[in-house]
Amino acid sequence: MSSEITIGTLARSAGVGVETVRYYQRRGLLPTAGTKKGAFRVYGDPELARLRFIRRAQALGFKLDEIASLLALDEETDRESARALARTKIADVEERIRQLQSVHSALQELVSCCEHTEAPAPCPILRTLGGEAD
């Protein structure tokens, strides 16, 4: 990778749009502007690595505020803090899994009820969504 790239190349290299890069800059996750070379701002490997870090963290479910906290940590000295943030994220994921399992069970129950309810009775799924369920 070249050490001097435009914002467009930076964005493409990380699999995001230019507006996403600018948004991350406004949020303080990336430097607001690269160095100026002629009429263009140029970026380098550190900005690309940081952008990829942000994307990987998002893929693991971290929100931008949490990512800002992760970015503020030092790889060598802040292991405990990184672990604590990761453990908090694990707890969040586990809670979301519980919620999704509850939704899954409710939907299965509605489908089963619908399969066993004969016309002309109202559809239990539509009735429930309409707020008329028991």
C-alpha atoms as a PDB file:
ATOM      1  CA  MET A   1       0.000   0.000   0.000  1.00  0.00           C
ATOM      2  CA  SER A   2       1.255   3.441  -0.856  1.00  0.00           C
ATOM      3  CA  SER A   3       2.039   5.686   2.072  1.00  0.00           C
ATOM      4  CA  GLU A   4       0.150   8.621   0.509  1.00  0.00           C
ATOM      5  CA  ILE A   5      -3.431   8.019  -0.616  1.00  0.00           C
ATOM      6  CA  THR A   6      -6.496  10.187  -1.144  1.00  0.00           C
ATOM      7  CA  ILE A   7      -9.606   9.947   1.003  1.00  0.00           C
ATOM      8  CA  GLY A   8     -11.350   7.996  -1.786  1.00  0.00           C
ATOM      9  CA  THR A   9      -8.616   5.384  -1.915  1.00  0.00           C
ATOM     10  CA  LEU A  10      -8.528   5.256   1.878  1.00  0.00           C
ATOM     11  CA  ALA A  11     -12.271   4.622   1.978  1.00  0.00           C
ATOM     12  CA  ARG A  12     -12.185   1.940  -0.749  1.00  0.00           C
ATOM     13  CA  SER A  13      -9.247   0.183   0.906  1.00  0.00           C
ATOM     14  CA  ALA A  14     -11.275  -0.149   4.107  1.00  0.00           C
ATOM     15  CA  GLY A  15     -14.545  -1.013   2.369  1.00  0.00           C
ATOM     16  CA  VAL A  16     -16.409   2.145   3.350  1.00  0.00           C
ATOM     17  CA  GLY A  17     -17.629   5.284   1.615  1.00  0.00           C
ATOM     18  CA  VAL A  18     -15.938   8.658   1.692  1.00  0.00           C
ATOM     19  CA  GLU A  19     -18.840  10.054   3.733  1.00  0.00           C
ATOM     20  CA  THR A  20     -18.242   7.335   6.338  1.00  0.00           C
ATOM     21  CA  VAL A  21     -14.605   8.428   6.625  1.00  0.00           C
ATOM     22  CA  ARG A  22     -15.731  12.030   7.035  1.00  0.00           C
ATOM     23  CA  TYR A  23     -18.305  10.996   9.630  1.00  0.00           C
ATOM     24  CA  TYR A  24     -15.620   9.151  11.612  1.00  0.00           C
ATOM     25  CA  GLN A  25     -13.483  12.265  11.374  1.00  0.00           C
ATOM     26  CA  ARG A  26     -16.304  14.416  12.746  1.00  0.00           C
ATOM     27  CA  ARG A  27     -16.767  11.909  15.583  1.00  0.00           C
ATOM     28  CA  GLY A  28     -13.059  12.141  16.402  1.00  0.00           C
ATOM     29  CA  LEU A  29     -12.328   8.508  15.534  1.00  0.00           C
ATOM     30  CA  LEU A  30     -10.005   9.463  12.667  1.00  0.00           C
ATOM     31  CA  PRO A  31      -7.791  12.511  12.237  1.00  0.00           C
ATOM     32  CA  THR A  32      -9.836  15.324  10.691  1.00  0.00           C
ATOM     33  CA  ALA A  33      -7.611  15.705   7.670  1.00  0.00           C
ATOM     34  CA  GLY A  34      -4.523  14.207   6.189  1.00  0.00           C
ATOM     35  CA  THR A  35      -1.522  16.255   5.215  1.00  0.00           C
ATOM     36  CA  LYS A  36      -1.994  18.509   2.233  1.00  0.00           C
ATOM     37  CA  LYS A  37      -0.221  17.547  -0.971  1.00  0.00           C
ATOM     38  CA  GLY A  38      -1.039  20.002  -3.711  1.00  0.00           C
ATOM     39  CA  ALA A  39      -4.807  20.381  -3.914  1.00  0.00           C
ATOM     40  CA  PHE A  40      -5.485  17.089  -2.113  1.00  0.00           C
ATOM     41  CA  ARG A  41      -5.331  15.785   1.425  1.00  0.00           C
ATOM     42  CA  VAL A  42      -3.381  12.561   1.645  1.00  0.00           C
ATOM     43  CA  TYR A  43      -3.587   9.769   4.176  1.00  0.00           C
ATOM     44  CA  GLY A  44      -1.237   6.960   5.053  1.00  0.00           C
ATOM     45  CA  ASP A  45      -1.003   3.518   6.563  1.00  0.00           C
ATOM     46  CA  PRO A  46      -1.776   4.698  10.135  1.00  0.00           C
ATOM     47  CA  GLU A  47      -5.134   6.131   9.054  1.00  0.00           C
ATOM     48  CA  LEU A  48      -5.956   2.991   7.066  1.00  0.00           C
ATOM     49  CA  ALA A  49      -5.059   0.776  10.037  1.00  0.00           C
ATOM     50  CA  ARG A  50      -7.244   2.915  12.311  1.00  0.00           C
ATOM     51  CA  LEU A  51     -10.150   2.779   9.853  1.00  0.00           C
ATOM     52  CA  ARG A  52      -9.854  -1.002   9.616  1.00  0.00           C
ATOM     53  CA  PHE A  53      -9.739  -1.195  13.431  1.00  0.00           C
ATOM     54  CA  ILE A  54     -13.014   0.744  13.562  1.00  0.00           C
ATOM     55  CA  ARG A  55     -14.654  -1.555  11.000  1.00  0.00           C
ATOM     56  CA  ARG A  56     -13.506  -4.726  12.798  1.00  0.00           C
ATOM     57  CA  ALA A  57     -14.748  -3.389  16.128  1.00  0.00           C
ATOM     58  CA  GLN A  58     -18.114  -2.581  14.557  1.00  0.00           C
ATOM     59  CA  ALA A  59     -18.293  -6.111  13.150  1.00  0.00           C
ATOM     60  CA  LEU A  60     -17.917  -7.357  16.742  1.00  0.00           C
ATOM     61  CA  GLY A  61     -20.855  -5.196  17.797  1.00  0.00           C
ATOM     62  CA  PHE A  62     -19.034  -2.266  19.391  1.00  0.00           C
ATOM     63  CA  LYS A  63     -20.775   1.109  19.082  1.00  0.00           C
ATOM     64  CA  LEU A  64     -18.810   4.164  17.995  1.00  0.00           C
ATOM     65  CA  ASP A  65     -18.545   5.510  21.554  1.00  0.00           C
ATOM     66  CA  GLU A  66     -17.159   2.156  22.690  1.00  0.00           C
ATOM     67  CA  ILE A  67     -14.763   2.148  19.749  1.00  0.00           C
ATOM     68  CA  ALA A  68     -13.516   5.580  20.787  1.00  0.00           C
ATOM     69  CA  SER A  69     -12.742   4.111  24.209  1.00  0.00           C
ATOM     70  CA  LEU A  70     -10.918   1.174  22.610  1.00  0.00           C
ATOM     71  CA  LEU A  71      -8.917   3.489  20.369  1.00  0.00           C
ATOM     72  CA  ALA A  72      -7.798   5.470  23.414  1.00  0.00           C
ATOM     73  CA  LEU A  73      -6.209   2.358  24.951  1.00  0.00           C
ATOM     74  CA  ASP A  74      -2.560   1.401  24.634  1.00  0.00           C
ATOM     75  CA  GLU A  75      -1.903  -2.093  23.220  1.00  0.00           C
ATOM     76  CA  GLU A  76       0.930  -2.693  25.641  1.00  0.00           C
ATOM     77  CA  THR A  77      -0.421  -1.332  28.911  1.00  0.00           C
ATOM     78  CA  ASP A  78      -4.221  -1.349  28.799  1.00  0.00           C
ATOM     79  CA  ARG A  79      -5.086  -5.040  28.572  1.00  0.00           C
ATOM     80  CA  GLU A  80      -7.316  -4.965  31.657  1.00  0.00           C
ATOM     81  CA  SER A  81      -9.342  -2.073  30.269  1.00  0.00           C
ATOM     82  CA  ALA A  82      -9.651  -3.754  26.869  1.00  0.00           C
ATOM     83  CA  ARG A  83     -10.752  -6.978  28.564  1.00  0.00           C
ATOM     84  CA  ALA A  84     -13.336  -5.100  30.626  1.00  0.00           C
ATOM     85  CA  LEU A  85     -14.786  -3.456  27.511  1.00  0.00           C
ATOM     86  CA  ALA A  86     -14.882  -6.821  25.729  1.00  0.00           C
ATOM     87  CA  ARG A  87     -16.576  -8.491  28.716  1.00  0.00           C
ATOM     88  CA  THR A  88     -19.196  -5.742  28.779  1.00  0.00           C
ATOM     89  CA  LYS A  89     -19.804  -6.328  25.080  1.00  0.00           C
ATOM     90  CA  ILE A  90     -20.140 -10.080  25.702  1.00  0.00           C
ATOM     91  CA  ALA A  91     -22.799  -9.369  28.339  1.00  0.00           C
ATOM     92  CA  ASP A  92     -24.632  -7.110  25.866  1.00  0.00           C
ATOM     93  CA  VAL A  93     -24.510  -9.817  23.196  1.00  0.00           C
ATOM     94  CA  GLU A  94     -25.782 -12.435  25.636  1.00  0.00           C
ATOM     95  CA  GLU A  95     -28.710 -10.177  26.564  1.00  0.00           C
ATOM     96  CA  ARG A  96     -29.547  -9.618  22.893  1.00  0.00           C
ATOM     97  CA  ILE A  97     -29.422 -13.387  22.343  1.00  0.00           C
ATOM     98  CA  ARG A  98     -31.897 -13.868  25.208  1.00  0.00           C
ATOM     99  CA  GLN A  99     -34.188 -11.225  23.705  1.00  0.00           C
ATOM    100  CA  LEU A 100     -33.980 -12.818  20.252  1.00  0.00           C
ATOM    101  CA  GLN A 101     -34.712 -16.248  21.719  1.00  0.00           C
ATOM    102  CA  SER A 102     -37.806 -14.780  23.366  1.00  0.00           C
ATOM    103  CA  VAL A 103     -38.913 -13.246  20.065  1.00  0.00           C
ATOM    104  CA  HIS A 104     -38.226 -16.569  18.322  1.00  0.00           C
ATOM    105  CA  SER A 105     -40.372 -18.468  20.844  1.00  0.00           C
ATOM    106  CA  ALA A 106     -43.211 -15.943  20.579  1.00  0.00           C
ATOM    107  CA  LEU A 107     -43.187 -16.157  16.783  1.00  0.00           C
ATOM    108  CA  GLN A 108     -43.116 -19.946  16.839  1.00  0.00           C
ATOM    109  CA  GLU A 109     -46.076 -19.926  19.215  1.00  0.00           C
ATOM    110  CA  LEU A 110     -48.016 -17.571  16.946  1.00  0.00           C
ATOM    111  CA  VAL A 111     -47.292 -19.654  13.857  1.00  0.00           C
ATOM    112  CA  SER A 112     -48.365 -22.815  15.644  1.00  0.00           C
ATOM    113  CA  CYS A 113     -51.525 -21.136  16.894  1.00  0.00           C
ATOM    114  CA  CYS A 114     -52.257 -19.875  13.380  1.00  0.00           C
ATOM    115  CA  GLU A 115     -51.773 -23.356  11.908  1.00  0.00           C
ATOM    116  CA  HIS A 116     -54.295 -24.781  14.387  1.00  0.00           C
ATOM    117  CA  THR A 117     -56.902 -22.022  14.207  1.00  0.00           C
ATOM    118  CA  GLU A 118     -59.534 -22.628  11.590  1.00  0.00           C
ATOM    119  CA  ALA A 119     -61.352 -19.998   9.575  1.00  0.00           C
ATOM    120  CA  PRO A 120     -63.540 -18.034  10.093  1.00  0.00           C
ATOM    121  CA  ALA A 121     -61.657 -17.241  13.317  1.00  0.00           C
ATOM    122  CA  PRO A 122     -59.290 -14.277  12.958  1.00  0.00           C
ATOM    123  CA  CYS A 123     -55.631 -15.014  12.226  1.00  0.00           C
ATOM    124  CA  PRO A 124     -53.851 -15.104  15.613  1.00  0.00           C
ATOM    125  CA  ILE A 125     -50.709 -13.503  14.146  1.00  0.00           C
ATOM    126  CA  LEU A 126     -52.571 -10.522  12.715  1.00  0.00           C
ATOM    127  CA  ARG A 127     -54.791 -10.269  15.767  1.00  0.00           C
ATOM    128  CA  THR A 128     -51.746 -10.202  18.075  1.00  0.00           C
ATOM    129  CA  LEU A 129     -49.959  -7.611  15.960  1.00  0.00           C
ATOM    130  CA  GLY A 130     -53.152  -5.561  15.959  1.00  0.00           C
ATOM    131  CA  GLY A 131     -53.111  -5.534  19.754  1.00  0.00           C
ATOM    132  CA  GLU A 132     -56.216  -7.640  20.243  1.00  0.00           C
ATOM    133  CA  ALA A 133     -54.558 -10.745  21.689  1.00  0.00           C
ATOM    134  CA  ASP A 134     -55.289 -12.233  25.104  1.00  0.00           C
END
